[in-house]
Amino acid sequence: MNFRDVVTRWLDQAMPHRMPPRLAVVDKGWTGPGEGKYAVDVEIIRPGDHERTGEVLREVPLNPIWAGLNGRGLYSLPSKDQLVIVECLGWDPVFPFISGVYGDRYRAGQYADGQFVLTDGKSSLVLDNDGLWSMATAAGSLKELLDGIVDQMKSLQVLDPQTADPTPLYPSTIAALEAFKATIGGVLK
């Protein structure tokens, strides 16, 4: 009998129903408020070839990225067919939970070292190392959008109440818009 057999026998005696971390594919997500509503149904797969085993675990809870009292936190259910890692508290299969997304099929979005990125794959919210926020969609960033609005406002003309002729904005109004634009630049990238 080799060392591996001895350890396996000992584990079989000490924890007869143990379940080490395993890979699974998400079949369904459970959403909505309340206890047990941040969970997924998964099917266990074999590592390597990713063949489905037929073993289905229902309503397996996920770890929120951050959770606090009163429902605070960041929540994002894995998509259907996403590969996840299933672990069990104390290796006891009665207490499974999703410990993370398996990186084999995961494609990261655009990010740099030290950034906090929140994205849905189409738009993103980024906190940079320099403390600046950026929000971007296919239409452009929020800063570009706000800068464009300010620039358009600066070119507006108002009607002179005396003559009813269009006149440009007062220099003080343009200065206030420039100050607003500078403030935007100090917060957004």
Foldseek 3Di string as FASTA:
>chain_A
DDPVVVVVVVCCVVPVQFAAKFKWFFAAAADDDDPLRGFTKTFTADPPVRHTDPDIDPSAHEDFPDDDPPGDGHGDHDDGRFMFIWAAVVRHVVGIHTDGTDPPPDDDDDDDPPKDWDDPVAKIWIQDPVRAIWIAGPVGIPLVVLVVVLVVLQAAWDQDPVPRDTDGDDPVVNVVSVVVNVVNVVHHD
